[in-house]
Amino acid sequence: MNGTRPPILILYGSETGCAEDVAERMARQAKRRRFPVRVHPANDFTGSSLSDETIILFAVATTGQGEEPRNMKRFWRAMLQRHLSPTLYSHITYAVFGLGDSGYAKFNYPGKKLYKRLLQLGANPIAPRGDGDDQHYLGLDGALVPWLKDLWIRLSNRYPLPKGVEEMSEDELMPSTYRITPVPPSSSSEDLQYRLVLEEGERRVSCLKNTRITHPDHFQDVRHFIFGMDPDKDVQEGFPRDTSHLSYRPGDVMNIQPENVPEQVDAILDLLGWAERADEFLDIQPRETGSSNHPAWIKEKRTLRQLFTYHLDAFSTPRTSFFEWLSHFAQDSEHKEKLQEFTSPEGQDDLQTYCHRMKRTAYEVLKDFTPMVIPIEYVLDVFPRLRPRPFSIASAPKPTGEIELAVGIIRYRTRMSSPRVGVCTQWMKDLQKGSRLTASISPGSLELPDDPKTPLILIGLGLAPMRSFLQERISQGAYENSVYFGCRYSDKDFHFREDLEGWAQKGHLKLRTAFSRDEEKRVYVQHRMVEHAQELWKSIHEESAKILLSGNANRMPDDVATALVTIFIQEGGMIEEEARTLLGIMEKHGQFQQECWF
């Protein structure tokens, strides 16, 4: 697409794909406004390699303890070099949108640091920094939609179009990102085989164990998984023999690439009218070569069935861009109007009510807006990539390389007629011994104290990271550990009970449990904390104990924080303001860390 405005470079730092999706959304909107655009992970560039750019937009996620994602780390190190001139980027106009969760102390730190560093190097901000917040009732879109609207007004005013040239209307369909054509029947058999391709950092692993660890009549199915390496299987799958392990630290996360189950794949192919062509091989080629944000497998031959099994996500709750694409392919005028409304700033509340609050899936949206005629060449634009799902590792590193997880199989109800299920966990629950899957490791949000002699206080409902930390500490002979663990029933959902009680009996930790449904009066971890206020205060105040909190993000983090404030007041003789200030200082310096989820 020929542009009549200055080119825009869009760089992203993304760990789970959210920031990459935002970058792609920016790119589509830039093209509509006649800006030539390229999209790259930030690591494709260094500080000096930006010298030829005019406009740079950044989408930056947050990982770990306020850290930049892996595909931005090399770029960020280059940006911090001391010899860089304070006028290096004086010719560059920029904007930064950060993605994070305000429930964490270092909310959007990478975006904030990048915005400030660009200023130090002389760059000119075109708009205030955007701070996307998962806690917002509209999710990231609560900040992103108005921020993008304001950004394009500012850029359009700064760089007006020549007379006679207009922006693309929202009704105009943009070209697909990829050219997708049938593979000729005369192609060799090698061209018509599914070839597995791994992204950087990914490895193939084998399932060694899949066992339910909650009581059979408990409402939630929680599984204990063990995964390991198998070099012989690697060779069978076409990869070099690799006897190394996936290395990780206690508290890290294992990212598992899911697959869609066959019944769902059949359903989406039938709905779209593609069932008869589902097993024809397709050639997929990017239309533009200027961007590098294509998946590693993109130049391999794939069938529609393979795309929906391994690569495309049609059964999660879709983002706004899904509705944007559907508005072009809806055959009913009222449907088209409603889909366009969902993508507007004014329609975000309605979109939240219809889709996100109900956890409606992309497949269910398509059923509501039939008939829908989507050209096959747009399939990779309409449907987002099937991204890996992160799970806290439940074991310390082992010489064998085995990795353990405790995974809750997601299944719950909303006002939708059918239960909501997790795309990844519903597939994982059926893994057999020997099943193969793709995984990688990412840093977690919690870290052990640097000094093993520092006391450790573990609080919450998330036993996976707790077990990982405790295994590591106990192997180091570090026995100053206190665990405040809560669940519903002592005999139904007390995961890894034998481990914890065994360590407690050996004097390797102090175990305080709260079983909320075993007694008439409900007891939670914050109650146990206040019961042991003197012990906790001594450990925190005199021994600089580190506190790690993990579990559900609904009420528990606030309840635990309130309990700590109460302890500081009661045992430390503080007023409430002083107690809350102390807690904030502990968070800022990493003495109190949280990893919570919804």
Foldseek 3Di string as FASTA:
>chain_A
DAAQWEAEEEEEFDDFCPLVVLSVVLCVVCVLFRHHYAYEHLLVDAPLRCQPHQEYEYEWEAAAQRDTHPSNVNRVVRLPDPVQAQQSALRYEYEYEYEAAVVALNARVVRVVVVVSCNSSNYHYLAPYFGFHCPPLLGRCVGSQVRSVVSVVSVCVVIPGPPPDGGHDLLDDDDAQKDKAFDDPPDDVVQQDDADDDDPQKDKKFWADWAFQFDPPDPWTKIKTKIADDQVVCVVNPHHRDPDFQDDAQQWKKWFQAWFDPVVLCLLCVLQVNNVQQSTWMAIGGPDDRYDPDDPCRRGIDGNSRCRGGWFFQFWQDDLQLLSVQLNFQPDPVSNVLSVLCNHPNNSVVCSVVTVQQRGTNSNVPVVRPPGHDPPSNPPVNTDTRTTDIFRWQAGQDPRNMTIGIDIFDWAHDPDPHIRGDRHSVRVNPRDGGDMTMIGMDHHRADDDPDLQQAEEEEEADNRSVNHVLNVSVVVVRQNYEYQHEDADPRGPPPPVVVVVVCVVVSSYHYHYFHQNPDPHGDHSLNVCLVCLQVVCCSCVVRVHAYEYEEADDCVVVSNLVSQLVSCCVVVVDDSVVSNVVVSVCSVVRSYTYDHDD
